[in-house]
Amino acid sequence: ELHALQEQFSIIGDIRGLGLLWGLELVKDPVFKEKAVEEAEAIMYECLRNGLSFKVSKGNVLQLCPALTITAAELRQALSILAQAFQKIIKT
């Protein structure tokens, strides 16, 4: 689902991860990879307001690392909150 989000929002320059540890790198320009620091912070706080907590590293990488006991329903809810934050903050 993260890759579907990347297709919708060009600000997501890279998605990397393994298992339940994932990072979404936000960039202002996909060619020059300028960090989208303000946008990353805005998305983080929008998610936090809606019950999803994660950290931002290097100023522009959203680090998603849920508990190993997360259920499929909780994971879907978290991804929904993240998608809604992108839709609200990022103008495609």
N, C-alpha and C. Protein backbone atom coordinates (compact mmCIF):
# COMPACT_ATOMS: atom_id res chain seq x y z
N GLU A 1 0.81 -1.20 0.00
CA GLU A 1 0.00 0.00 0.00
C GLU A 1 0.85 1.27 0.00
N LEU A 2 2.05 1.18 0.54
CA LEU A 2 2.94 2.35 0.54
C LEU A 2 3.33 2.72 -0.89
N HIS A 3 3.52 1.70 -1.73
CA HIS A 3 3.89 1.99 -3.12
C HIS A 3 2.72 2.62 -3.88
N ALA A 4 1.50 2.26 -3.54
CA ALA A 4 0.33 2.91 -4.15
C ALA A 4 0.28 4.37 -3.74
N LEU A 5 0.65 4.66 -2.50
CA LEU A 5 0.71 6.04 -2.02
C LEU A 5 1.79 6.81 -2.77
N GLN A 6 2.91 6.15 -3.04
CA GLN A 6 4.01 6.79 -3.78
C GLN A 6 3.57 7.15 -5.20
N GLU A 7 2.78 6.29 -5.82
CA GLU A 7 2.29 6.58 -7.17
C GLU A 7 1.37 7.79 -7.18
N GLN A 8 0.66 8.00 -6.09
CA GLN A 8 -0.28 9.11 -6.00
C GLN A 8 0.41 10.42 -5.64
N PHE A 9 1.49 10.37 -4.88
CA PHE A 9 2.17 11.58 -4.39
C PHE A 9 3.64 11.55 -4.77
N SER A 10 4.02 12.40 -5.71
CA SER A 10 5.41 12.42 -6.19
C SER A 10 6.39 12.91 -5.14
N ILE A 11 5.90 13.47 -4.04
CA ILE A 11 6.78 13.92 -2.97
C ILE A 11 7.47 12.72 -2.30
N ILE A 12 6.90 11.53 -2.42
CA ILE A 12 7.53 10.33 -1.86
C ILE A 12 8.60 9.88 -2.85
N GLY A 13 9.84 10.22 -2.53
CA GLY A 13 10.94 9.93 -3.44
C GLY A 13 11.43 8.50 -3.35
N ASP A 14 11.33 7.90 -2.17
CA ASP A 14 11.83 6.53 -2.00
C ASP A 14 11.09 5.88 -0.84
N ILE A 15 10.87 4.58 -0.99
CA ILE A 15 10.31 3.77 0.08
C ILE A 15 11.27 2.62 0.30
N ARG A 16 11.68 2.44 1.55
CA ARG A 16 12.59 1.35 1.83
C ARG A 16 12.22 0.73 3.18
N GLY A 17 12.46 -0.56 3.28
CA GLY A 17 12.17 -1.20 4.54
C GLY A 17 12.22 -2.71 4.44
N LEU A 18 11.98 -3.31 5.59
CA LEU A 18 12.00 -4.75 5.71
C LEU A 18 11.10 -5.13 6.87
N GLY A 19 10.25 -6.11 6.68
CA GLY A 19 9.34 -6.50 7.74
C GLY A 19 8.40 -5.37 8.07
N LEU A 20 8.36 -4.97 9.33
CA LEU A 20 7.49 -3.88 9.76
C LEU A 20 8.21 -2.55 9.91
N LEU A 21 9.48 -2.49 9.58
CA LEU A 21 10.24 -1.24 9.68
C LEU A 21 10.36 -0.63 8.28
N TRP A 22 9.70 0.52 8.08
CA TRP A 22 9.67 1.16 6.77
C TRP A 22 9.99 2.64 6.88
N GLY A 23 10.60 3.17 5.83
CA GLY A 23 10.89 4.59 5.75
C GLY A 23 10.38 5.16 4.44
N LEU A 24 9.75 6.32 4.51
CA LEU A 24 9.29 7.03 3.32
C LEU A 24 10.09 8.32 3.24
N GLU A 25 10.92 8.45 2.22
CA GLU A 25 11.73 9.65 2.04
C GLU A 25 10.94 10.67 1.24
N LEU A 26 10.73 11.85 1.81
CA LEU A 26 9.97 12.90 1.14
C LEU A 26 10.93 13.90 0.51
N VAL A 27 10.72 14.17 -0.77
CA VAL A 27 11.59 15.09 -1.52
C VAL A 27 10.74 16.10 -2.28
N LYS A 28 11.28 17.32 -2.40
CA LYS A 28 10.57 18.36 -3.15
C LYS A 28 10.66 18.13 -4.64
N ASP A 29 11.78 17.56 -5.07
CA ASP A 29 12.01 17.32 -6.49
C ASP A 29 12.60 15.92 -6.64
N PRO A 30 11.96 15.05 -7.43
CA PRO A 30 12.45 13.68 -7.55
C PRO A 30 13.81 13.55 -8.23
N VAL A 31 14.20 14.54 -9.00
CA VAL A 31 15.49 14.49 -9.69
C VAL A 31 16.63 14.91 -8.77
N PHE A 32 16.47 16.06 -8.13
CA PHE A 32 17.54 16.61 -7.30
C PHE A 32 17.47 16.14 -5.84
N LYS A 33 16.37 15.48 -5.46
CA LYS A 33 16.21 14.90 -4.13
C LYS A 33 16.33 15.91 -2.99
N GLU A 34 15.89 17.15 -3.22
CA GLU A 34 15.90 18.15 -2.15
C GLU A 34 14.92 17.71 -1.06
N LYS A 35 15.38 17.74 0.17
CA LYS A 35 14.57 17.26 1.29
C LYS A 35 13.31 18.10 1.48
N ALA A 36 12.19 17.42 1.70
CA ALA A 36 10.91 18.08 1.98
C ALA A 36 10.67 18.07 3.49
N VAL A 37 11.46 18.87 4.19
CA VAL A 37 11.45 18.88 5.66
C VAL A 37 10.14 19.41 6.22
N GLU A 38 9.67 20.54 5.72
CA GLU A 38 8.44 21.13 6.24
C GLU A 38 7.24 20.22 6.01
N GLU A 39 7.19 19.61 4.84
CA GLU A 39 6.08 18.72 4.51
C GLU A 39 6.10 17.48 5.40
N ALA A 40 7.29 16.94 5.66
CA ALA A 40 7.40 15.76 6.53
C ALA A 40 6.89 16.08 7.93
N GLU A 41 7.27 17.23 8.43
CA GLU A 41 6.82 17.64 9.77
C GLU A 41 5.31 17.84 9.79
N ALA A 42 4.77 18.47 8.76
CA ALA A 42 3.32 18.71 8.70
C ALA A 42 2.55 17.39 8.65
N ILE A 43 3.04 16.43 7.88
CA ILE A 43 2.38 15.13 7.80
C ILE A 43 2.46 14.41 9.14
N MET A 44 3.62 14.48 9.79
CA MET A 44 3.78 13.84 11.09
C MET A 44 2.76 14.39 12.10
N TYR A 45 2.63 15.72 12.17
CA TYR A 45 1.70 16.31 13.14
C TYR A 45 0.24 16.05 12.77
N GLU A 46 -0.08 16.00 11.49
CA GLU A 46 -1.44 15.67 11.07
C GLU A 46 -1.77 14.24 11.48
N CYS A 47 -0.84 13.33 11.29
CA CYS A 47 -1.05 11.94 11.71
C CYS A 47 -1.20 11.85 13.23
N LEU A 48 -0.36 12.58 13.94
CA LEU A 48 -0.42 12.56 15.40
C LEU A 48 -1.78 13.04 15.91
N ARG A 49 -2.32 14.07 15.27
CA ARG A 49 -3.66 14.57 15.64
C ARG A 49 -4.73 13.50 15.44
N ASN A 50 -4.45 12.56 14.55
CA ASN A 50 -5.43 11.52 14.24
C ASN A 50 -5.08 10.16 14.85
N GLY A 51 -4.12 10.16 15.77
CA GLY A 51 -3.83 8.94 16.52
C GLY A 51 -2.71 8.07 16.01
N LEU A 52 -1.94 8.53 15.04
CA LEU A 52 -0.82 7.74 14.51
C LEU A 52 0.48 8.44 14.86
N SER A 53 1.33 7.74 15.59
CA SER A 53 2.60 8.31 16.04
C SER A 53 3.77 7.61 15.35
N PHE A 54 4.69 8.40 14.84
CA PHE A 54 5.94 7.89 14.27
C PHE A 54 6.95 9.01 14.34
N LYS A 55 8.19 8.72 14.00
CA LYS A 55 9.20 9.77 14.05
C LYS A 55 9.69 10.09 12.65
N VAL A 56 10.30 11.25 12.54
CA VAL A 56 10.91 11.69 11.29
C VAL A 56 12.42 11.71 11.51
N SER A 57 13.16 11.06 10.63
CA SER A 57 14.62 11.08 10.75
C SER A 57 15.22 11.83 9.57
N LYS A 58 16.39 12.36 9.79
CA LYS A 58 17.12 13.14 8.77
C LYS A 58 16.28 14.29 8.23
N GLY A 59 15.23 14.67 8.95
CA GLY A 59 14.41 15.80 8.56
C GLY A 59 13.32 15.49 7.55
N ASN A 60 13.47 14.39 6.79
CA ASN A 60 12.49 14.15 5.73
C ASN A 60 12.11 12.68 5.53
N VAL A 61 12.51 11.80 6.43
CA VAL A 61 12.17 10.38 6.28
C VAL A 61 11.17 9.99 7.37
N LEU A 62 9.97 9.63 6.95
CA LEU A 62 8.95 9.16 7.88
C LEU A 62 9.30 7.73 8.25
N GLN A 63 9.55 7.46 9.51
CA GLN A 63 9.92 6.12 9.96
C GLN A 63 8.72 5.44 10.59
N LEU A 64 8.27 4.39 9.94
CA LEU A 64 7.11 3.64 10.41
C LEU A 64 7.59 2.33 11.01
N CYS A 65 7.32 2.14 12.28
CA CYS A 65 7.79 0.94 12.99
C CYS A 65 6.74 0.54 14.02
N PRO A 66 5.67 -0.12 13.58
CA PRO A 66 4.62 -0.50 14.52
C PRO A 66 5.06 -1.65 15.43
N ALA A 67 4.31 -1.86 16.49
CA ALA A 67 4.57 -2.97 17.40
C ALA A 67 4.43 -4.29 16.64
N LEU A 68 5.22 -5.27 17.03
CA LEU A 68 5.15 -6.58 16.37
C LEU A 68 3.80 -7.25 16.58
N THR A 69 3.04 -6.79 17.55
CA THR A 69 1.73 -7.38 17.84
C THR A 69 0.59 -6.67 17.12
N ILE A 70 0.90 -5.78 16.19
CA ILE A 70 -0.14 -5.04 15.47
C ILE A 70 -1.01 -6.01 14.67
N THR A 71 -2.30 -5.75 14.67
CA THR A 71 -3.22 -6.58 13.89
C THR A 71 -3.33 -6.02 12.47
N ALA A 72 -3.87 -6.83 11.58
CA ALA A 72 -4.06 -6.39 10.20
C ALA A 72 -5.00 -5.18 10.16
N ALA A 73 -6.03 -5.20 10.99
CA ALA A 73 -6.99 -4.08 11.03
C ALA A 73 -6.31 -2.80 11.52
N GLU A 74 -5.46 -2.91 12.53
CA GLU A 74 -4.75 -1.74 13.04
C GLU A 74 -3.77 -1.20 12.00
N LEU A 75 -3.14 -2.10 11.26
CA LEU A 75 -2.21 -1.67 10.21
C LEU A 75 -2.96 -0.95 9.10
N ARG A 76 -4.11 -1.47 8.71
CA ARG A 76 -4.93 -0.79 7.69
C ARG A 76 -5.37 0.59 8.17
N GLN A 77 -5.73 0.70 9.45
CA GLN A 77 -6.13 1.99 10.01
C GLN A 77 -4.96 2.97 9.99
N ALA A 78 -3.77 2.51 10.36
CA ALA A 78 -2.59 3.37 10.35
C ALA A 78 -2.29 3.87 8.94
N LEU A 79 -2.36 2.98 7.96
CA LEU A 79 -2.11 3.38 6.57
C LEU A 79 -3.18 4.34 6.07
N SER A 80 -4.40 4.16 6.53
CA SER A 80 -5.48 5.08 6.16
C SER A 80 -5.23 6.47 6.73
N ILE A 81 -4.80 6.55 7.98
CA ILE A 81 -4.47 7.84 8.60
C ILE A 81 -3.34 8.51 7.84
N LEU A 82 -2.32 7.74 7.48
CA LEU A 82 -1.19 8.28 6.73
C LEU A 82 -1.64 8.81 5.37
N ALA A 83 -2.46 8.04 4.66
CA ALA A 83 -2.95 8.46 3.35
C ALA A 83 -3.78 9.73 3.45
N GLN A 84 -4.62 9.82 4.47
CA GLN A 84 -5.44 11.02 4.66
C GLN A 84 -4.58 12.24 4.95
N ALA A 85 -3.50 12.04 5.70
CA ALA A 85 -2.59 13.15 5.99
C ALA A 85 -1.92 13.65 4.71
N PHE A 86 -1.49 12.72 3.86
CA PHE A 86 -0.89 13.12 2.58
C PHE A 86 -1.91 13.90 1.75
N GLN A 87 -3.15 13.41 1.70
CA GLN A 87 -4.18 14.08 0.92
C GLN A 87 -4.46 15.48 1.43
N LYS A 88 -4.39 15.67 2.74
CA LYS A 88 -4.67 16.98 3.32
C LYS A 88 -3.50 17.94 3.14
N ILE A 89 -2.28 17.47 3.35
CA ILE A 89 -1.10 18.33 3.38
C ILE A 89 -0.50 18.57 2.00
N ILE A 90 -0.46 17.53 1.18
CA ILE A 90 0.23 17.61 -0.11
C ILE A 90 -0.78 17.84 -1.22
N LYS A 91 -0.59 18.89 -1.96
CA LYS A 91 -1.45 19.18 -3.10
C LYS A 91 -0.82 18.55 -4.33
N THR A 92 -1.48 17.53 -4.89
CA THR A 92 -0.91 16.79 -6.02
C THR A 92 -0.81 17.61 -7.27
